[in-house]
Every structure is written in C-alpha cells, then in structure tokens.
Amino acid sequence: MGNRTRPFAYTFRATDKERQIIDEKIKQSGLTMTEFIIRAIKDKPITVIENAGEILTELKRQGNNLNQAVRNNYYGIETERELNDCIGELKNLYRKNSIAMGGA
C-alpha cells in the first residue's frame, strides 16, 4: 500500500440513469474508470471506435500476410503480387481507421 502512485480516492453520488450512462461510456472506451475520468478532466480525447474488434482482427490478418510474404521472399519465392495485395489491404484498412476516427 505504501508504493501507490495514486493514494487519494474520490467518491460521488449519481442517479441510476447517470450510473448507467457512466458505466456504458467507460465500457465503450475500453479504459479503466480511473483512466477514463483522468482523460475526461484533462480534456484529452476519449475515442470510441465502432467495430474496433473487427478492425483489429483484420489488422492482425494483414500483419500475418505481410510476415508470410517477407518469409517467402527469404526463401526466394515470388512475392511481388503478394506484397502488392497486402499493401492494398493495408491502405484500405488505413482509410477505414481514418473514417472511424472521424477523419476523411
């Protein structure tokens, strides 16, 4: 207990409706309650990405594809088409991420 970096605890009261809203916002953010509140009071953005799990799965899949292409290159297997396909998919994912984050 002596090494805690945040020794102060705060409590406050909320209605059932307010509690539900707070709990849902924290769940959507993927942050802990402490992280969520600290970001909120420091005016740091709290970004929620819809379908983030799907985007992460696709990023992992494309990372695996890229690793396979690089490994094939080491073994002398033709990889130009494979690399171009992977680059195209990564560009597509980048666009989807930008849109999800509120960009153009």
PDB file of N, CA and C in Angstrom:
ATOM      1  N   MET A   1       0.814  -1.192   0.000  1.00  0.00           N
ATOM      2  CA  MET A   1       0.000   0.000   0.000  1.00  0.00           C
ATOM      3  C   MET A   1       0.863   1.263   0.000  1.00  0.00           C
ATOM      4  N   GLY A   2       2.062   1.192   0.530  1.00  0.00           N
ATOM      5  CA  GLY A   2       2.924   2.352   0.630  1.00  0.00           C
ATOM      6  C   GLY A   2       3.437   2.857  -0.706  1.00  0.00           C
ATOM      7  N   ASN A   3       3.463   2.031  -1.752  1.00  0.00           N
ATOM      8  CA  ASN A   3       4.016   2.412  -3.043  1.00  0.00           C
ATOM      9  C   ASN A   3       2.958   2.863  -4.048  1.00  0.00           C
ATOM     10  N   ARG A   4       1.743   3.093  -3.615  1.00  0.00           N
ATOM     11  CA  ARG A   4       0.696   3.516  -4.543  1.00  0.00           C
ATOM     12  C   ARG A   4       1.031   4.879  -5.120  1.00  0.00           C
ATOM     13  N   THR A   5       0.837   5.032  -6.414  1.00  0.00           N
ATOM     14  CA  THR A   5       1.107   6.315  -7.047  1.00  0.00           C
ATOM     15  C   THR A   5      -0.111   7.223  -7.019  1.00  0.00           C
ATOM     16  N   ARG A   6      -1.265   6.683  -6.698  1.00  0.00           N
ATOM     17  CA  ARG A   6      -2.489   7.476  -6.592  1.00  0.00           C
ATOM     18  C   ARG A   6      -3.143   7.180  -5.240  1.00  0.00           C
ATOM     19  N   PRO A   7      -2.681   7.840  -4.203  1.00  0.00           N
ATOM     20  CA  PRO A   7      -3.157   7.496  -2.864  1.00  0.00           C
ATOM     21  C   PRO A   7      -4.535   8.066  -2.512  1.00  0.00           C
ATOM     22  N   PHE A   8      -5.085   8.958  -3.323  1.00  0.00           N
ATOM     23  CA  PHE A   8      -6.350   9.596  -2.989  1.00  0.00           C
ATOM     24  C   PHE A   8      -7.501   8.960  -3.737  1.00  0.00           C
ATOM     25  N   ALA A   9      -8.600   8.707  -3.025  1.00  0.00           N
ATOM     26  CA  ALA A   9      -9.802   8.130  -3.628  1.00  0.00           C
ATOM     27  C   ALA A   9     -10.922   9.157  -3.540  1.00  0.00           C
ATOM     28  N   TYR A  10     -11.703   9.253  -4.593  1.00  0.00           N
ATOM     29  CA  TYR A  10     -12.854  10.145  -4.627  1.00  0.00           C
ATOM     30  C   TYR A  10     -14.119   9.318  -4.777  1.00  0.00           C
ATOM     31  N   THR A  11     -15.184   9.763  -4.144  1.00  0.00           N
ATOM     32  CA  THR A  11     -16.484   9.136  -4.341  1.00  0.00           C
ATOM     33  C   THR A  11     -17.489  10.236  -4.629  1.00  0.00           C
ATOM     34  N   PHE A  12     -18.529   9.904  -5.358  1.00  0.00           N
ATOM     35  CA  PHE A  12     -19.601  10.857  -5.616  1.00  0.00           C
ATOM     36  C   PHE A  12     -20.887  10.082  -5.824  1.00  0.00           C
ATOM     37  N   ARG A  13     -21.983  10.780  -5.755  1.00  0.00           N
ATOM     38  CA  ARG A  13     -23.292  10.152  -5.874  1.00  0.00           C
ATOM     39  C   ARG A  13     -23.862  10.422  -7.266  1.00  0.00           C
ATOM     40  N   ALA A  14     -24.602   9.431  -7.775  1.00  0.00           N
ATOM     41  CA  ALA A  14     -25.230   9.551  -9.091  1.00  0.00           C
ATOM     42  C   ALA A  14     -26.571   8.829  -9.049  1.00  0.00           C
ATOM     43  N   THR A  15     -27.471   9.263  -9.919  1.00  0.00           N
ATOM     44  CA  THR A  15     -28.744   8.557 -10.046  1.00  0.00           C
ATOM     45  C   THR A  15     -28.499   7.248 -10.790  1.00  0.00           C
ATOM     46  N   ASP A  16     -29.493   6.384 -10.792  1.00  0.00           N
ATOM     47  CA  ASP A  16     -29.366   5.124 -11.520  1.00  0.00           C
ATOM     48  C   ASP A  16     -29.123   5.381 -13.002  1.00  0.00           C
ATOM     49  N   LYS A  17     -29.827   6.342 -13.574  1.00  0.00           N
ATOM     50  CA  LYS A  17     -29.670   6.685 -15.001  1.00  0.00           C
ATOM     51  C   LYS A  17     -28.248   7.194 -15.264  1.00  0.00           C
ATOM     52  N   GLU A  18     -27.739   8.077 -14.384  1.00  0.00           N
ATOM     53  CA  GLU A  18     -26.381   8.596 -14.542  1.00  0.00           C
ATOM     54  C   GLU A  18     -25.355   7.473 -14.430  1.00  0.00           C
ATOM     55  N   ARG A  19     -25.560   6.560 -13.474  1.00  0.00           N
ATOM     56  CA  ARG A  19     -24.663   5.420 -13.311  1.00  0.00           C
ATOM     57  C   ARG A  19     -24.624   4.577 -14.568  1.00  0.00           C
ATOM     58  N   GLN A  20     -25.793   4.326 -15.158  1.00  0.00           N
ATOM     59  CA  GLN A  20     -25.859   3.534 -16.391  1.00  0.00           C
ATOM     60  C   GLN A  20     -25.097   4.226 -17.520  1.00  0.00           C
ATOM     61  N   ILE A  21     -25.269   5.538 -17.630  1.00  0.00           N
ATOM     62  CA  ILE A  21     -24.573   6.301 -18.686  1.00  0.00           C
ATOM     63  C   ILE A  21     -23.065   6.234 -18.465  1.00  0.00           C
ATOM     64  N   ILE A  22     -22.637   6.474 -17.233  1.00  0.00           N
ATOM     65  CA  ILE A  22     -21.198   6.435 -16.917  1.00  0.00           C
ATOM     66  C   ILE A  22     -20.624   5.058 -17.220  1.00  0.00           C
ATOM     67  N   ASP A  23     -21.293   4.013 -16.731  1.00  0.00           N
ATOM     68  CA  ASP A  23     -20.804   2.649 -16.947  1.00  0.00           C
ATOM     69  C   ASP A  23     -20.721   2.313 -18.433  1.00  0.00           C
ATOM     70  N   GLU A  24     -21.706   2.721 -19.207  1.00  0.00           N
ATOM     71  CA  GLU A  24     -21.716   2.425 -20.647  1.00  0.00           C
ATOM     72  C   GLU A  24     -20.596   3.172 -21.365  1.00  0.00           C
ATOM     73  N   LYS A  25     -20.402   4.441 -21.021  1.00  0.00           N
ATOM     74  CA  LYS A  25     -19.334   5.238 -21.654  1.00  0.00           C
ATOM     75  C   LYS A  25     -17.958   4.651 -21.338  1.00  0.00           C
ATOM     76  N   ILE A  26     -17.754   4.233 -20.100  1.00  0.00           N
ATOM     77  CA  ILE A  26     -16.474   3.638 -19.717  1.00  0.00           C
ATOM     78  C   ILE A  26     -16.276   2.323 -20.464  1.00  0.00           C
ATOM     79  N   LYS A  27     -17.325   1.508 -20.546  1.00  0.00           N
ATOM     80  CA  LYS A  27     -17.234   0.229 -21.258  1.00  0.00           C
ATOM     81  C   LYS A  27     -16.897   0.458 -22.728  1.00  0.00           C
ATOM     82  N   GLN A  28     -17.563   1.424 -23.357  1.00  0.00           N
ATOM     83  CA  GLN A  28     -17.319   1.720 -24.769  1.00  0.00           C
ATOM     84  C   GLN A  28     -15.890   2.199 -25.003  1.00  0.00           C
ATOM     85  N   SER A  29     -15.329   2.926 -24.039  1.00  0.00           N
ATOM     86  CA  SER A  29     -13.991   3.489 -24.216  1.00  0.00           C
ATOM     87  C   SER A  29     -12.905   2.424 -24.144  1.00  0.00           C
ATOM     88  N   GLY A  30     -13.176   1.323 -23.414  1.00  0.00           N
ATOM     89  CA  GLY A  30     -12.157   0.298 -23.236  1.00  0.00           C
ATOM     90  C   GLY A  30     -11.111   0.690 -22.199  1.00  0.00           C
ATOM     91  N   LEU A  31     -11.345   1.784 -21.497  1.00  0.00           N
ATOM     92  CA  LEU A  31     -10.414   2.254 -20.480  1.00  0.00           C
ATOM     93  C   LEU A  31     -10.885   1.810 -19.101  1.00  0.00           C
ATOM     94  N   THR A  32      -9.985   1.905 -18.128  1.00  0.00           N
ATOM     95  CA  THR A  32     -10.421   1.707 -16.756  1.00  0.00           C
ATOM     96  C   THR A  32     -11.170   2.966 -16.332  1.00  0.00           C
ATOM     97  N   MET A  33     -11.903   2.873 -15.229  1.00  0.00           N
ATOM     98  CA  MET A  33     -12.639   4.045 -14.757  1.00  0.00           C
ATOM     99  C   MET A  33     -11.672   5.190 -14.447  1.00  0.00           C
ATOM    100  N   THR A  34     -10.554   4.872 -13.820  1.00  0.00           N
ATOM    101  CA  THR A  34      -9.573   5.904 -13.491  1.00  0.00           C
ATOM    102  C   THR A  34      -9.044   6.574 -14.750  1.00  0.00           C
ATOM    103  N   GLU A  35      -8.625   5.777 -15.742  1.00  0.00           N
ATOM    104  CA  GLU A  35      -8.106   6.336 -16.987  1.00  0.00           C
ATOM    105  C   GLU A  35      -9.154   7.214 -17.668  1.00  0.00           C
ATOM    106  N   PHE A  36     -10.391   6.733 -17.696  1.00  0.00           N
ATOM    107  CA  PHE A  36     -11.484   7.468 -18.333  1.00  0.00           C
ATOM    108  C   PHE A  36     -11.679   8.834 -17.676  1.00  0.00           C
ATOM    109  N   ILE A  37     -11.755   8.854 -16.360  1.00  0.00           N
ATOM    110  CA  ILE A  37     -12.002  10.104 -15.630  1.00  0.00           C
ATOM    111  C   ILE A  37     -10.826  11.055 -15.778  1.00  0.00           C
ATOM    112  N   ILE A  38      -9.601  10.540 -15.663  1.00  0.00           N
ATOM    113  CA  ILE A  38      -8.416  11.406 -15.799  1.00  0.00           C
ATOM    114  C   ILE A  38      -8.389  12.042 -17.184  1.00  0.00           C
ATOM    115  N   ARG A  39      -8.669  11.257 -18.227  1.00  0.00           N
ATOM    116  CA  ARG A  39      -8.698  11.827 -19.584  1.00  0.00           C
ATOM    117  C   ARG A  39      -9.801  12.866 -19.717  1.00  0.00           C
ATOM    118  N   ALA A  40     -10.954  12.571 -19.155  1.00  0.00           N
ATOM    119  CA  ALA A  40     -12.084  13.495 -19.262  1.00  0.00           C
ATOM    120  C   ALA A  40     -11.779  14.829 -18.586  1.00  0.00           C
ATOM    121  N   ILE A  41     -11.171  14.810 -17.410  1.00  0.00           N
ATOM    122  CA  ILE A  41     -10.915  16.069 -16.705  1.00  0.00           C
ATOM    123  C   ILE A  41      -9.708  16.820 -17.270  1.00  0.00           C
ATOM    124  N   LYS A  42      -8.850  16.126 -17.989  1.00  0.00           N
ATOM    125  CA  LYS A  42      -7.702  16.788 -18.619  1.00  0.00           C
ATOM    126  C   LYS A  42      -8.013  17.212 -20.053  1.00  0.00           C
ATOM    127  N   ASP A  43      -9.265  17.107 -20.447  1.00  0.00           N
ATOM    128  CA  ASP A  43      -9.700  17.458 -21.803  1.00  0.00           C
ATOM    129  C   ASP A  43      -8.958  16.679 -22.875  1.00  0.00           C
ATOM    130  N   LYS A  44      -8.527  15.474 -22.531  1.00  0.00           N
ATOM    131  CA  LYS A  44      -7.910  14.607 -23.531  1.00  0.00           C
ATOM    132  C   LYS A  44      -9.028  13.876 -24.253  1.00  0.00           C
ATOM    133  N   PRO A  45      -8.871  13.636 -25.550  1.00  0.00           N
ATOM    134  CA  PRO A  45      -9.955  12.970 -26.286  1.00  0.00           C
ATOM    135  C   PRO A  45     -10.144  11.520 -25.840  1.00  0.00           C
ATOM    136  N   ILE A  46     -11.389  11.126 -25.763  1.00  0.00           N
ATOM    137  CA  ILE A  46     -11.749   9.736 -25.489  1.00  0.00           C
ATOM    138  C   ILE A  46     -12.427   9.249 -26.752  1.00  0.00           C
ATOM    139  N   THR A  47     -11.720   8.439 -27.527  1.00  0.00           N
ATOM    140  CA  THR A  47     -12.207   7.994 -28.816  1.00  0.00           C
ATOM    141  C   THR A  47     -12.770   6.596 -28.706  1.00  0.00           C
ATOM    142  N   VAL A  48     -13.981   6.428 -29.200  1.00  0.00           N
ATOM    143  CA  VAL A  48     -14.612   5.116 -29.247  1.00  0.00           C
ATOM    144  C   VAL A  48     -14.757   4.750 -30.718  1.00  0.00           C
ATOM    145  N   ILE A  49     -14.200   3.623 -31.098  1.00  0.00           N
ATOM    146  CA  ILE A  49     -14.264   3.168 -32.484  1.00  0.00           C
ATOM    147  C   ILE A  49     -15.262   2.031 -32.572  1.00  0.00           C
ATOM    148  N   GLU A  50     -16.324   2.254 -33.339  1.00  0.00           N
ATOM    149  CA  GLU A  50     -17.299   1.198 -33.562  1.00  0.00           C
ATOM    150  C   GLU A  50     -16.623   0.058 -34.323  1.00  0.00           C
ATOM    151  N   ASN A  51     -16.938  -1.158 -33.991  1.00  0.00           N
ATOM    152  CA  ASN A  51     -16.383  -2.348 -34.646  1.00  0.00           C
ATOM    153  C   ASN A  51     -14.864  -2.429 -34.537  1.00  0.00           C
ATOM    154  N   ALA A  52     -14.311  -1.922 -33.446  1.00  0.00           N
ATOM    155  CA  ALA A  52     -12.859  -1.933 -33.268  1.00  0.00           C
ATOM    156  C   ALA A  52     -12.314  -3.353 -33.291  1.00  0.00           C
ATOM    157  N   GLY A  53     -13.076  -4.307 -32.774  1.00  0.00           N
ATOM    158  CA  GLY A  53     -12.626  -5.702 -32.773  1.00  0.00           C
ATOM    159  C   GLY A  53     -12.435  -6.229 -34.178  1.00  0.00           C
ATOM    160  N   GLU A  54     -13.361  -5.869 -35.074  1.00  0.00           N
ATOM    161  CA  GLU A  54     -13.248  -6.311 -36.472  1.00  0.00           C
ATOM    162  C   GLU A  54     -12.032  -5.692 -37.143  1.00  0.00           C
ATOM    163  N   ILE A  55     -11.788  -4.420 -36.872  1.00  0.00           N
ATOM    164  CA  ILE A  55     -10.639  -3.740 -37.462  1.00  0.00           C
ATOM    165  C   ILE A  55      -9.348  -4.358 -36.938  1.00  0.00           C
ATOM    166  N   LEU A  56      -9.290  -4.635 -35.640  1.00  0.00           N
ATOM    167  CA  LEU A  56      -8.096  -5.247 -35.057  1.00  0.00           C
ATOM    168  C   LEU A  56      -7.846  -6.631 -35.645  1.00  0.00           C
ATOM    169  N   THR A  57      -8.905  -7.416 -35.813  1.00  0.00           N
ATOM    170  CA  THR A  57      -8.773  -8.746 -36.410  1.00  0.00           C
ATOM    171  C   THR A  57      -8.205  -8.642 -37.818  1.00  0.00           C
ATOM    172  N   GLU A  58      -8.714  -7.687 -38.588  1.00  0.00           N
ATOM    173  CA  GLU A  58      -8.229  -7.515 -39.965  1.00  0.00           C
ATOM    174  C   GLU A  58      -6.777  -7.044 -39.983  1.00  0.00           C
ATOM    175  N   LEU A  59      -6.412  -6.146 -39.068  1.00  0.00           N
ATOM    176  CA  LEU A  59      -5.019  -5.701 -38.989  1.00  0.00           C
ATOM    177  C   LEU A  59      -4.088  -6.863 -38.670  1.00  0.00           C
ATOM    178  N   LYS A  60      -4.503  -7.728 -37.748  1.00  0.00           N
ATOM    179  CA  LYS A  60      -3.697  -8.905 -37.428  1.00  0.00           C
ATOM    180  C   LYS A  60      -3.567  -9.825 -38.635  1.00  0.00           C
ATOM    181  N   ARG A  61      -4.664 -10.002 -39.371  1.00  0.00           N
ATOM    182  CA  ARG A  61      -4.637 -10.859 -40.555  1.00  0.00           C
ATOM    183  C   ARG A  61      -3.667 -10.308 -41.592  1.00  0.00           C
ATOM    184  N   GLN A  62      -3.719  -8.994 -41.803  1.00  0.00           N
ATOM    185  CA  GLN A  62      -2.817  -8.387 -42.785  1.00  0.00           C
ATOM    186  C   GLN A  62      -1.369  -8.433 -42.304  1.00  0.00           C
ATOM    187  N   GLY A  63      -1.159  -8.308 -40.999  1.00  0.00           N
ATOM    188  CA  GLY A  63       0.194  -8.451 -40.458  1.00  0.00           C
ATOM    189  C   GLY A  63       0.740  -9.843 -40.714  1.00  0.00           C
ATOM    190  N   ASN A  64      -0.115 -10.856 -40.542  1.00  0.00           N
ATOM    191  CA  ASN A  64       0.304 -12.232 -40.834  1.00  0.00           C
ATOM    192  C   ASN A  64       0.625 -12.397 -42.312  1.00  0.00           C
ATOM    193  N   ASN A  65      -0.208 -11.806 -43.182  1.00  0.00           N
ATOM    194  CA  ASN A  65       0.053 -11.884 -44.622  1.00  0.00           C
ATOM    195  C   ASN A  65       1.404 -11.258 -44.966  1.00  0.00           C
ATOM    196  N   LEU A  66       1.680 -10.107 -44.366  1.00  0.00           N
ATOM    197  CA  LEU A  66       2.946  -9.430 -44.626  1.00  0.00           C
ATOM    198  C   LEU A  66       4.122 -10.281 -44.138  1.00  0.00           C
ATOM    199  N   ASN A  67       3.984 -10.869 -42.957  1.00  0.00           N
ATOM    200  CA  ASN A  67       5.050 -11.741 -42.445  1.00  0.00           C
ATOM    201  C   ASN A  67       5.297 -12.924 -43.375  1.00  0.00           C
ATOM    202  N   GLN A  68       4.234 -13.524 -43.896  1.00  0.00           N
ATOM    203  CA  GLN A  68       4.372 -14.645 -44.821  1.00  0.00           C
ATOM    204  C   GLN A  68       5.066 -14.215 -46.107  1.00  0.00           C
ATOM    205  N   ALA A  69       4.706 -13.021 -46.604  1.00  0.00           N
ATOM    206  CA  ALA A  69       5.330 -12.533 -47.834  1.00  0.00           C
ATOM    207  C   ALA A  69       6.823 -12.305 -47.628  1.00  0.00           C
ATOM    208  N   VAL A  70       7.180 -11.730 -46.507  1.00  0.00           N
ATOM    209  CA  VAL A  70       8.602 -11.486 -46.215  1.00  0.00           C
ATOM    210  C   VAL A  70       9.339 -12.811 -46.055  1.00  0.00           C
ATOM    211  N   ARG A  71       8.727 -13.771 -45.360  1.00  0.00           N
ATOM    212  CA  ARG A  71       9.354 -15.086 -45.183  1.00  0.00           C
ATOM    213  C   ARG A  71       9.547 -15.765 -46.547  1.00  0.00           C
ATOM    214  N   ASN A  72       8.528 -15.687 -47.399  1.00  0.00           N
ATOM    215  CA  ASN A  72       8.638 -16.266 -48.741  1.00  0.00           C
ATOM    216  C   ASN A  72       9.758 -15.605 -49.531  1.00  0.00           C
ATOM    217  N   ASN A  73       9.923 -14.310 -49.342  1.00  0.00           N
ATOM    218  CA  ASN A  73      10.988 -13.593 -50.030  1.00  0.00           C
ATOM    219  C   ASN A  73      12.350 -14.134 -49.609  1.00  0.00           C
ATOM    220  N   TYR A  74      12.509 -14.453 -48.334  1.00  0.00           N
ATOM    221  CA  TYR A  74      13.768 -15.015 -47.853  1.00  0.00           C
ATOM    222  C   TYR A  74      14.073 -16.349 -48.534  1.00  0.00           C
ATOM    223  N   TYR A  75      13.025 -17.099 -48.827  1.00  0.00           N
ATOM    224  CA  TYR A  75      13.209 -18.404 -49.465  1.00  0.00           C
ATOM    225  C   TYR A  75      13.253 -18.317 -50.978  1.00  0.00           C
ATOM    226  N   GLY A  76      13.195 -17.110 -51.526  1.00  0.00           N
ATOM    227  CA  GLY A  76      13.299 -16.927 -52.967  1.00  0.00           C
ATOM    228  C   GLY A  76      11.999 -17.167 -53.715  1.00  0.00           C
ATOM    229  N   ILE A  77      10.878 -17.242 -53.035  1.00  0.00           N
ATOM    230  CA  ILE A  77       9.584 -17.444 -53.696  1.00  0.00           C
ATOM    231  C   ILE A  77       9.085 -16.088 -54.191  1.00  0.00           C
ATOM    232  N   GLU A  78       8.492 -16.068 -55.379  1.00  0.00           N
ATOM    233  CA  GLU A  78       7.971 -14.834 -55.972  1.00  0.00           C
ATOM    234  C   GLU A  78       6.925 -14.213 -55.047  1.00  0.00           C
ATOM    235  N   THR A  79       7.154 -12.965 -54.637  1.00  0.00           N
ATOM    236  CA  THR A  79       6.260 -12.343 -53.665  1.00  0.00           C
ATOM    237  C   THR A  79       5.723 -10.977 -54.086  1.00  0.00           C
ATOM    238  N   GLU A  80       6.051 -10.484 -55.262  1.00  0.00           N
ATOM    239  CA  GLU A  80       5.627  -9.133 -55.641  1.00  0.00           C
ATOM    240  C   GLU A  80       4.112  -8.992 -55.605  1.00  0.00           C
ATOM    241  N   ARG A  81       3.380  -9.943 -56.177  1.00  0.00           N
ATOM    242  CA  ARG A  81       1.920  -9.880 -56.179  1.00  0.00           C
ATOM    243  C   ARG A  81       1.383  -9.934 -54.757  1.00  0.00           C
ATOM    244  N   GLU A  82       1.970 -10.818 -53.967  1.00  0.00           N
ATOM    245  CA  GLU A  82       1.549 -10.989 -52.579  1.00  0.00           C
ATOM    246  C   GLU A  82       1.758  -9.699 -51.775  1.00  0.00           C
ATOM    247  N   LEU A  83       2.914  -9.060 -51.968  1.00  0.00           N
ATOM    248  CA  LEU A  83       3.199  -7.807 -51.278  1.00  0.00           C
ATOM    249  C   LEU A  83       2.257  -6.696 -51.741  1.00  0.00           C
ATOM    250  N   ASN A  84       1.990  -6.614 -53.050  1.00  0.00           N
ATOM    251  CA  ASN A  84       1.083  -5.592 -53.560  1.00  0.00           C
ATOM    252  C   ASN A  84      -0.333  -5.785 -53.021  1.00  0.00           C
ATOM    253  N   ASP A  85      -0.783  -7.036 -52.937  1.00  0.00           N
ATOM    254  CA  ASP A  85      -2.101  -7.313 -52.351  1.00  0.00           C
ATOM    255  C   ASP A  85      -2.148  -6.864 -50.892  1.00  0.00           C
ATOM    256  N   CYS A  86      -1.101  -7.175 -50.174  1.00  0.00           N
ATOM    257  CA  CYS A  86      -1.031  -6.814 -48.762  1.00  0.00           C
ATOM    258  C   CYS A  86      -1.018  -5.291 -48.590  1.00  0.00           C
ATOM    259  N   ILE A  87      -0.266  -4.606 -49.402  1.00  0.00           N
ATOM    260  CA  ILE A  87      -0.207  -3.139 -49.338  1.00  0.00           C
ATOM    261  C   ILE A  87      -1.581  -2.546 -49.641  1.00  0.00           C
ATOM    262  N   GLY A  88      -2.272  -3.099 -50.623  1.00  0.00           N
ATOM    263  CA  GLY A  88      -3.620  -2.628 -50.953  1.00  0.00           C
ATOM    264  C   GLY A  88      -4.581  -2.807 -49.795  1.00  0.00           C
ATOM    265  N   GLU A  89      -4.520  -3.960 -49.143  1.00  0.00           N
ATOM    266  CA  GLU A  89      -5.392  -4.222 -47.993  1.00  0.00           C
ATOM    267  C   GLU A  89      -5.063  -3.289 -46.826  1.00  0.00           C
ATOM    268  N   LEU A  90      -3.769  -3.045 -46.595  1.00  0.00           N
ATOM    269  CA  LEU A  90      -3.385  -2.145 -45.516  1.00  0.00           C
ATOM    270  C   LEU A  90      -3.838  -0.714 -45.798  1.00  0.00           C
ATOM    271  N   LYS A  91      -3.776  -0.270 -47.037  1.00  0.00           N
ATOM    272  CA  LYS A  91      -4.280   1.061 -47.399  1.00  0.00           C
ATOM    273  C   LYS A  91      -5.777   1.148 -47.156  1.00  0.00           C
ATOM    274  N   ASN A  92      -6.494   0.084 -47.500  1.00  0.00           N
ATOM    275  CA  ASN A  92      -7.935   0.039 -47.279  1.00  0.00           C
ATOM    276  C   ASN A  92      -8.248   0.131 -45.780  1.00  0.00           C
ATOM    277  N   LEU A  93      -7.499  -0.617 -44.968  1.00  0.00           N
ATOM    278  CA  LEU A  93      -7.689  -0.567 -43.516  1.00  0.00           C
ATOM    279  C   LEU A  93      -7.364   0.813 -42.962  1.00  0.00           C
ATOM    280  N   TYR A  94      -6.342   1.455 -43.511  1.00  0.00           N
ATOM    281  CA  TYR A  94      -5.981   2.795 -43.059  1.00  0.00           C
ATOM    282  C   TYR A  94      -7.136   3.764 -43.318  1.00  0.00           C
ATOM    283  N   ARG A  95      -7.751   3.652 -44.503  1.00  0.00           N
ATOM    284  CA  ARG A  95      -8.899   4.503 -44.818  1.00  0.00           C
ATOM    285  C   ARG A  95     -10.046   4.256 -43.848  1.00  0.00           C
ATOM    286  N   LYS A  96     -10.338   2.987 -43.564  1.00  0.00           N
ATOM    287  CA  LYS A  96     -11.410   2.640 -42.638  1.00  0.00           C
ATOM    288  C   LYS A  96     -11.113   3.185 -41.235  1.00  0.00           C
ATOM    289  N   ASN A  97      -9.861   3.071 -40.803  1.00  0.00           N
ATOM    290  CA  ASN A  97      -9.474   3.609 -39.499  1.00  0.00           C
ATOM    291  C   ASN A  97      -9.660   5.120 -39.464  1.00  0.00           C
ATOM    292  N   SER A  98      -9.236   5.811 -40.525  1.00  0.00           N
ATOM    293  CA  SER A  98      -9.359   7.257 -40.581  1.00  0.00           C
ATOM    294  C   SER A  98     -10.809   7.686 -40.495  1.00  0.00           C
ATOM    295  N   ILE A  99     -11.682   6.984 -41.198  1.00  0.00           N
ATOM    296  CA  ILE A  99     -13.107   7.291 -41.163  1.00  0.00           C
ATOM    297  C   ILE A  99     -13.662   7.032 -39.769  1.00  0.00           C
ATOM    298  N   ALA A 100     -13.285   5.895 -39.168  1.00  0.00           N
ATOM    299  CA  ALA A 100     -13.769   5.546 -37.832  1.00  0.00           C
ATOM    300  C   ALA A 100     -13.324   6.569 -36.783  1.00  0.00           C
ATOM    301  N   MET A 101     -12.151   7.159 -36.993  1.00  0.00           N
ATOM    302  CA  MET A 101     -11.627   8.131 -36.045  1.00  0.00           C
ATOM    303  C   MET A 101     -12.140   9.542 -36.328  1.00  0.00           C
ATOM    304  N   GLY A 102     -13.031   9.669 -37.326  1.00  0.00           N
ATOM    305  CA  GLY A 102     -13.626  10.968 -37.619  1.00  0.00           C
ATOM    306  C   GLY A 102     -12.897  11.748 -38.683  1.00  0.00           C
ATOM    307  N   GLY A 103     -11.940  11.136 -39.361  1.00  0.00           N
ATOM    308  CA  GLY A 103     -11.210  11.808 -40.426  1.00  0.00           C
ATOM    309  C   GLY A 103     -11.902  11.636 -41.757  1.00  0.00           C
ATOM    310  N   ALA A 104     -11.252  12.079 -42.776  1.00  0.00           N
ATOM    311  CA  ALA A 104     -11.840  11.972 -44.130  1.00  0.00           C
ATOM    312  C   ALA A 104     -11.243  10.828 -44.890  1.00  0.00           C
TER     313      ALA A 104
END
